Amino acid sequence: MAEQIVPFPYSYSELEGEDKELVEKTIAANPIEYVRVGPKGYLIFKPYLRDAENVYNMPLRPSDVFVASYQRSGTTMTQELVWLLLNDFDYEKAKSIPLVARYSFLEEFMFIDYEKRDIFIANMKKTDPNFDPSNLLKIAEMFKIPATKKLAKTPSPRFIKTHLPMSFLPPKVLETAKVVYIAREPKDVAVSCYHHSLLFKMQQFSGGFKEFWNLFHKGLFSLTPFFEHLKEAWNLRHHPNMLFLFYEDVTKDMPAAIRRIGEFFGKTFTKEQIAGLCDHLNIKNFKNNKSVNNEELRDTGMFDANETFIRKGKSGGWRDYFDEEMTQQAEKWIADNLRDTDLRFPTHK
């Protein structure tokens, strides 16, 4: 008997006025709209709504593994770590199959509005007359297929990446599958999101970091409000199928993090296996790993020459970007948002 389809429970509202103008600065080349969804007002690309119900009702399997996060929180590292632990440290296979092929990106379909691809190409050519549209068209063709349809044909175990808040995922996700959620200090996340906005030419963000920070902490960047996203996962951290990690803890003591993740999946490892994985994930090696660094997109003309997908991987890099006024503003923002929760970042305990 087929399971009953549950309507996606959240309504949405269009952005208007100054908010709409400010948000559009972060996606200057992309003819796509943001909307606010649900009572928490998550900012999300409007094409997501076309498949929101399918995601919400996606058939799950007990062997499914989700790696979830607010974007730029250490997701790629966590994906690689989890995949290798559950695939017997098969580095050769990991090397031969790109991470994007080993994980289905649940909401990737929302990033390009296929119906507006011609406008997208025209906008790209305004800043790069030599832009070759063929690659963008291939990506648009790929993205127009919802991940739920791809996942239905994917053999088990399925590895799934998502930046969606937990409330957008199937309601029974934790009753069926396992979820590893990685969180990171918000000022570092903001810096990484800023560089991500510079990396993708499709976004063409032209402002400086201070302007970007203003958007981020006011909830005018993709999938903000940031703290609501984290709190949803944090409040589920005691569920036996949820593992909540902090990026700072993982990178400070990776052997301990590997053992903890292994325990979550019912696995144990030798000291040699752990040491080998730590070396594999070391940022000096990781940023040069062609299987994870997405450098193949540079050949499509989608990457800015001055930016990389994998950056520095360190904690505390925000200090190079925040002046005293911004730091005080950020600390107040963090304190205000942590007031009603026992969530604390390793740097704010």
Protein backbone atom coordinates (compact mmCIF):
# COMPACT_ATOMS: atom_id res chain seq x y z
CA MET A 1 0.00 0.00 0.00
CA ALA A 2 1.44 3.32 -1.07
CA GLU A 3 2.06 5.88 1.64
CA GLN A 4 -0.29 8.82 1.73
CA ILE A 5 1.09 12.02 0.23
CA VAL A 6 1.26 14.80 2.79
CA PRO A 7 0.96 18.36 1.45
CA PHE A 8 4.02 20.53 2.03
CA PRO A 9 2.84 22.30 5.19
CA TYR A 10 4.35 25.74 4.73
CA SER A 11 3.10 28.76 2.86
CA TYR A 12 5.36 31.36 1.29
CA SER A 13 5.49 35.09 0.73
CA GLU A 14 7.17 37.15 -1.97
CA LEU A 15 9.99 39.52 -1.13
CA GLU A 16 9.21 43.16 -1.71
CA GLY A 17 10.79 46.60 -1.62
CA GLU A 18 14.24 47.12 -0.15
CA ASP A 19 14.60 43.48 0.97
CA LYS A 20 14.02 42.30 -2.59
CA GLU A 21 16.55 44.80 -3.98
CA LEU A 22 19.20 43.88 -1.42
CA VAL A 23 18.78 40.13 -1.86
CA GLU A 24 18.99 40.35 -5.64
CA LYS A 25 22.48 41.82 -5.28
CA THR A 26 23.72 38.38 -4.16
CA ILE A 27 22.40 36.69 -7.33
CA ALA A 28 22.95 39.46 -9.86
CA ALA A 29 23.32 37.22 -12.92
CA ASN A 30 20.75 34.60 -11.96
CA PRO A 31 17.17 35.45 -13.05
CA ILE A 32 15.68 33.66 -10.09
CA GLU A 33 13.53 34.83 -7.21
CA TYR A 34 13.76 34.30 -3.49
CA VAL A 35 10.70 33.72 -1.34
CA ARG A 36 10.22 33.39 2.41
CA VAL A 37 8.84 30.02 3.46
CA GLY A 38 7.16 28.89 6.65
CA PRO A 39 6.70 30.59 10.03
CA LYS A 40 10.47 31.07 10.44
CA GLY A 41 10.71 32.79 7.06
CA TYR A 42 13.49 30.74 5.49
CA LEU A 43 14.81 32.51 2.41
CA ILE A 44 14.79 30.04 -0.45
CA PHE A 45 14.82 30.05 -4.25
CA LYS A 46 11.28 30.00 -5.57
CA PRO A 47 11.83 27.00 -7.91
CA TYR A 48 12.18 24.91 -4.75
CA LEU A 49 8.42 25.13 -4.28
CA ARG A 50 7.84 23.10 -7.44
CA ASP A 51 9.27 20.00 -5.77
CA ALA A 52 8.88 20.83 -2.07
CA GLU A 53 6.08 18.29 -1.67
CA ASN A 54 8.11 15.54 -3.33
CA VAL A 55 11.04 16.20 -1.01
CA TYR A 56 8.72 16.26 2.00
CA ASN A 57 7.22 12.91 0.95
CA MET A 58 10.40 11.27 -0.36
CA PRO A 59 10.37 7.52 0.30
CA LEU A 60 13.16 6.74 2.75
CA ARG A 61 15.28 3.64 3.31
CA PRO A 62 16.86 2.50 6.58
CA SER A 63 20.27 2.58 4.91
CA ASP A 64 19.96 6.26 3.85
CA VAL A 65 22.64 8.60 5.19
CA PHE A 66 22.05 12.36 5.21
CA VAL A 67 24.80 14.93 5.71
CA ALA A 68 22.99 18.16 6.57
CA SER A 69 24.15 21.65 7.44
CA TYR A 70 23.71 25.32 6.94
CA GLN A 71 25.89 25.90 3.88
CA ARG A 72 29.65 26.50 4.22
CA SER A 73 29.82 24.84 7.62
CA GLY A 74 32.23 22.04 6.80
CA THR A 75 29.76 20.04 4.72
CA THR A 76 32.22 18.79 2.09
CA MET A 77 34.72 17.56 4.66
CA THR A 78 31.95 15.81 6.58
CA GLN A 79 30.60 14.19 3.42
CA GLU A 80 34.00 12.77 2.53
CA LEU A 81 34.65 11.64 6.09
CA VAL A 82 31.30 9.85 6.43
CA TRP A 83 31.50 8.24 2.99
CA LEU A 84 34.96 6.82 3.61
CA LEU A 85 34.02 5.48 7.03
CA LEU A 86 31.01 3.67 5.55
CA ASN A 87 32.91 2.43 2.51
CA ASP A 88 35.81 0.76 4.28
CA PHE A 89 38.29 3.57 3.57
CA ASP A 90 38.12 2.92 -0.17
CA TYR A 91 40.33 5.85 -1.19
CA GLU A 92 40.72 4.61 -4.75
CA LYS A 93 36.97 4.58 -5.30
CA ALA A 94 36.64 7.97 -3.64
CA LYS A 95 39.34 9.30 -5.93
CA SER A 96 37.74 7.90 -9.07
CA ILE A 97 34.16 9.03 -8.34
CA PRO A 98 33.64 12.75 -7.61
CA LEU A 99 31.93 13.55 -4.33
CA VAL A 100 29.05 15.17 -6.22
CA ALA A 101 28.38 11.77 -7.82
CA ARG A 102 28.65 9.88 -4.53
CA TYR A 103 26.08 12.15 -2.84
CA SER A 104 22.77 13.36 -4.24
CA PHE A 105 22.31 17.07 -3.50
CA LEU A 106 18.67 17.09 -2.46
CA GLU A 107 17.76 20.65 -3.45
CA GLU A 108 20.16 21.24 -6.36
CA PHE A 109 17.21 21.61 -8.75
CA MET A 110 16.30 24.99 -7.29
CA PHE A 111 19.48 26.85 -8.25
CA ILE A 112 18.72 27.31 -11.93
CA ASP A 113 15.29 28.18 -13.28
CA TYR A 114 15.28 26.20 -16.50
CA GLU A 115 12.55 28.35 -18.00
CA LYS A 116 14.77 31.43 -17.64
CA ARG A 117 18.01 29.91 -18.91
CA ASP A 118 18.23 32.29 -21.90
CA ILE A 119 18.08 35.32 -19.59
CA PHE A 120 20.72 33.69 -17.40
CA ILE A 121 23.06 33.25 -20.36
CA ALA A 122 22.52 36.84 -21.51
CA ASN A 123 23.36 38.11 -18.02
CA MET A 124 26.53 36.04 -17.89
CA LYS A 125 27.67 37.41 -21.24
CA LYS A 126 27.30 40.99 -20.00
CA THR A 127 30.34 40.54 -17.76
CA ASP A 128 32.06 37.83 -19.79
CA PRO A 129 31.56 38.21 -23.56
CA ASN A 130 33.49 34.96 -24.10
CA PHE A 131 31.20 32.94 -21.86
CA ASP A 132 30.35 29.60 -23.47
CA PRO A 133 26.64 28.84 -22.79
CA SER A 134 26.91 25.15 -23.69
CA ASN A 135 28.14 24.15 -20.25
CA LEU A 136 25.48 26.17 -18.48
CA LEU A 137 22.82 24.55 -20.64
CA LYS A 138 24.12 21.10 -19.67
CA ILE A 139 23.99 22.05 -15.99
CA ALA A 140 20.49 23.50 -16.41
CA GLU A 141 19.34 20.27 -18.08
CA MET A 142 20.78 18.26 -15.19
CA PHE A 143 19.35 20.50 -12.48
CA LYS A 144 15.82 20.49 -13.89
CA ILE A 145 15.48 16.84 -12.83
CA PRO A 146 14.48 16.78 -9.14
CA ALA A 147 16.86 14.87 -6.91
CA THR A 148 13.94 12.83 -5.60
CA LYS A 149 13.55 11.25 -9.04
CA LYS A 150 17.26 10.47 -9.23
CA LEU A 151 17.25 9.05 -5.71
CA ALA A 152 14.38 6.70 -6.53
CA LYS A 153 16.74 4.96 -8.97
CA THR A 154 19.82 5.11 -6.75
CA PRO A 155 20.92 1.80 -5.21
CA SER A 156 21.34 1.54 -1.46
CA PRO A 157 23.03 2.79 0.56
CA ARG A 158 22.13 6.29 -0.61
CA PHE A 159 24.24 9.26 0.50
CA ILE A 160 22.33 12.53 0.51
CA LYS A 161 23.58 16.08 1.04
CA THR A 162 21.23 18.89 2.00
CA HIS A 163 21.28 22.45 3.29
CA LEU A 164 17.54 22.43 3.92
CA PRO A 165 16.32 22.98 7.48
CA MET A 166 15.12 19.82 9.20
CA SER A 167 11.50 20.98 9.00
CA PHE A 168 11.63 20.79 5.19
CA LEU A 169 12.79 17.16 5.19
CA PRO A 170 10.42 14.18 5.38
CA PRO A 171 8.78 14.21 8.83
CA LYS A 172 9.89 10.63 9.54
CA VAL A 173 13.48 11.11 8.41
CA LEU A 174 14.92 10.36 11.86
CA GLU A 175 12.65 7.37 12.36
CA THR A 176 14.10 5.76 9.25
CA ALA A 177 17.48 7.19 8.21
CA LYS A 178 20.58 8.57 9.89
CA VAL A 179 21.44 12.27 9.81
CA VAL A 180 24.83 13.84 10.50
CA TYR A 181 24.44 17.59 11.00
CA ILE A 182 27.52 19.82 10.99
CA ALA A 183 27.41 23.34 12.46
CA ARG A 184 30.00 26.11 12.47
CA GLU A 185 30.64 29.44 14.19
CA PRO A 186 28.43 32.00 12.37
CA LYS A 187 31.05 34.67 11.70
CA ASP A 188 33.25 32.12 9.92
CA VAL A 189 30.19 30.87 8.04
CA ALA A 190 29.45 34.41 6.89
CA VAL A 191 33.00 34.85 5.58
CA SER A 192 32.85 31.54 3.73
CA CYS A 193 29.42 32.35 2.25
CA TYR A 194 30.80 35.69 1.10
CA HIS A 195 33.63 34.01 -0.80
CA HIS A 196 31.18 31.45 -2.16
CA SER A 197 29.13 34.32 -3.56
CA LEU A 198 32.26 35.65 -5.25
CA LEU A 199 33.25 32.20 -6.52
CA PHE A 200 30.16 31.53 -8.61
CA LYS A 201 29.88 33.93 -11.53
CA MET A 202 26.18 33.15 -11.64
CA GLN A 203 25.88 35.18 -8.46
CA GLN A 204 28.14 38.07 -9.40
CA PHE A 205 27.97 39.65 -5.96
CA SER A 206 29.71 42.99 -6.36
CA GLY A 207 29.67 44.31 -2.81
CA GLY A 208 32.31 44.11 -0.11
CA PHE A 209 32.22 41.88 2.94
CA LYS A 210 30.64 44.52 5.15
CA GLU A 211 27.71 44.79 2.76
CA PHE A 212 27.43 41.00 2.61
CA TRP A 213 27.54 40.69 6.40
CA ASN A 214 24.68 43.18 6.62
CA LEU A 215 22.59 40.88 4.43
CA PHE A 216 23.63 37.69 6.19
CA HIS A 217 22.90 38.63 9.77
CA LYS A 218 19.61 40.27 8.80
CA GLY A 219 18.38 37.04 7.23
CA LEU A 220 18.69 38.24 3.65
CA PHE A 221 20.90 35.44 2.35
CA SER A 222 19.99 31.98 1.12
CA LEU A 223 18.41 29.68 3.76
CA THR A 224 18.71 32.19 6.56
CA PRO A 225 17.71 32.83 9.31
CA PHE A 226 20.92 31.07 10.29
CA PHE A 227 20.13 30.39 13.93
CA GLU A 228 16.70 28.94 13.25
CA HIS A 229 18.35 26.45 10.90
CA LEU A 230 20.80 25.31 13.58
CA LYS A 231 18.26 25.27 16.40
CA GLU A 232 16.00 22.89 14.49
CA ALA A 233 18.81 20.34 14.31
CA TRP A 234 20.12 21.08 17.82
CA ASN A 235 16.69 20.36 19.31
CA LEU A 236 16.81 16.90 17.71
CA ARG A 237 20.37 16.09 18.81
CA HIS A 238 19.33 13.48 21.37
CA HIS A 239 17.52 11.36 18.81
CA PRO A 240 19.51 8.14 18.28
CA ASN A 241 19.54 8.72 14.51
CA MET A 242 20.85 12.31 14.73
CA LEU A 243 24.50 13.20 15.23
CA PHE A 244 25.10 16.92 15.79
CA LEU A 245 28.70 18.02 15.26
CA PHE A 246 30.58 21.29 15.49
CA TYR A 247 33.12 21.97 12.77
CA GLU A 248 35.51 23.46 15.33
CA ASP A 249 35.45 20.27 17.43
CA VAL A 250 35.96 18.03 14.40
CA THR A 251 38.97 19.96 13.12
CA LYS A 252 40.51 20.46 16.58
CA ASP A 253 40.50 16.73 17.39
CA MET A 254 39.72 14.78 14.24
CA PRO A 255 40.67 11.34 15.64
CA ALA A 256 38.08 11.82 18.40
CA ALA A 257 35.50 13.01 15.86
CA ILE A 258 36.14 9.97 13.65
CA ARG A 259 35.65 7.64 16.61
CA ARG A 260 32.44 9.45 17.58
CA ILE A 261 31.05 9.25 14.05
CA GLY A 262 32.08 5.60 13.88
CA GLU A 263 30.21 4.89 17.12
CA PHE A 264 27.12 6.59 15.64
CA PHE A 265 27.22 4.13 12.74
CA GLY A 266 28.19 1.15 14.88
CA LYS A 267 31.74 0.90 13.57
CA THR A 268 35.22 0.82 15.11
CA PHE A 269 38.54 1.63 13.48
CA THR A 270 42.22 1.00 14.01
CA LYS A 271 44.66 3.77 14.89
CA GLU A 272 46.23 3.34 11.45
CA GLN A 273 42.88 3.78 9.69
CA ILE A 274 42.11 6.90 11.69
CA ALA A 275 45.57 8.37 11.06
CA GLY A 276 45.23 7.73 7.33
CA LEU A 277 41.84 9.44 7.18
CA CYS A 278 43.14 12.43 9.17
CA ASP A 279 45.91 12.83 6.63
CA HIS A 280 43.46 12.51 3.75
CA LEU A 281 41.25 15.25 5.24
CA ASN A 282 44.11 17.58 6.14
CA ILE A 283 43.31 20.87 4.42
CA LYS A 284 46.65 20.88 2.56
CA ASN A 285 45.64 17.62 0.87
CA PHE A 286 41.90 18.19 0.81
CA LYS A 287 41.96 21.43 -1.17
CA ASN A 288 44.02 19.69 -3.87
CA ASN A 289 41.76 16.62 -3.99
CA LYS A 290 40.11 16.75 -7.42
CA SER A 291 37.33 14.47 -6.26
CA VAL A 292 36.03 17.01 -3.75
CA ASN A 293 37.20 20.50 -4.78
CA ASN A 294 34.83 20.94 -7.76
CA GLU A 295 37.60 22.37 -9.90
CA GLU A 296 35.99 20.78 -12.97
CA LEU A 297 33.44 23.59 -12.81
CA ARG A 298 36.23 26.08 -13.52
CA ASP A 299 36.37 24.76 -17.09
CA THR A 300 32.69 25.59 -17.50
CA GLY A 301 33.37 29.28 -16.92
CA MET A 302 31.24 29.24 -13.75
CA PHE A 303 34.08 29.97 -11.29
CA ASP A 304 35.79 33.28 -10.66
CA ALA A 305 39.55 33.02 -11.25
CA ASN A 306 40.37 34.47 -7.82
CA GLU A 307 38.29 32.07 -5.72
CA THR A 308 38.26 28.34 -4.89
CA PHE A 309 35.54 25.99 -3.63
CA ILE A 310 37.73 24.65 -0.82
CA ARG A 311 39.36 27.59 0.94
CA LYS A 312 41.42 27.69 4.14
CA GLY A 313 39.41 25.37 6.35
CA LYS A 314 40.48 27.16 9.53
CA SER A 315 38.49 28.51 12.44
CA GLY A 316 38.68 32.14 13.46
CA GLY A 317 39.41 33.49 9.98
CA TRP A 318 36.58 35.97 10.49
CA ARG A 319 39.00 38.21 12.42
CA ASP A 320 40.58 39.24 9.11
CA TYR A 321 37.23 40.62 7.92
CA PHE A 322 35.39 42.12 10.91
CA ASP A 323 36.20 45.57 12.25
CA GLU A 324 35.44 46.44 15.88
CA GLU A 325 31.95 47.73 15.13
CA MET A 326 31.03 44.61 13.14
CA THR A 327 32.46 42.36 15.85
CA GLN A 328 30.35 44.00 18.54
CA GLN A 329 27.32 43.78 16.28
CA ALA A 330 27.98 40.09 15.61
CA GLU A 331 28.49 39.22 19.28
CA LYS A 332 25.20 40.90 20.20
CA TRP A 333 23.45 39.08 17.34
CA ILE A 334 24.84 35.75 18.53
CA ALA A 335 23.98 36.41 22.18
CA ASP A 336 20.43 37.49 21.31
CA ASN A 337 19.86 34.36 19.26
CA LEU A 338 21.32 32.00 21.86
CA ARG A 339 19.29 33.44 24.70
CA ASP A 340 16.42 30.98 24.36
CA THR A 341 18.54 27.86 23.80
CA ASP A 342 21.38 25.88 25.36
CA LEU A 343 23.12 25.75 21.97
CA ARG A 344 26.64 27.09 22.35
CA PHE A 345 29.44 27.16 19.80
CA PRO A 346 32.81 25.84 20.99
CA THR A 347 34.12 29.41 20.83
CA HIS A 348 31.19 30.77 22.89
CA LYS A 349 30.99 28.29 25.77
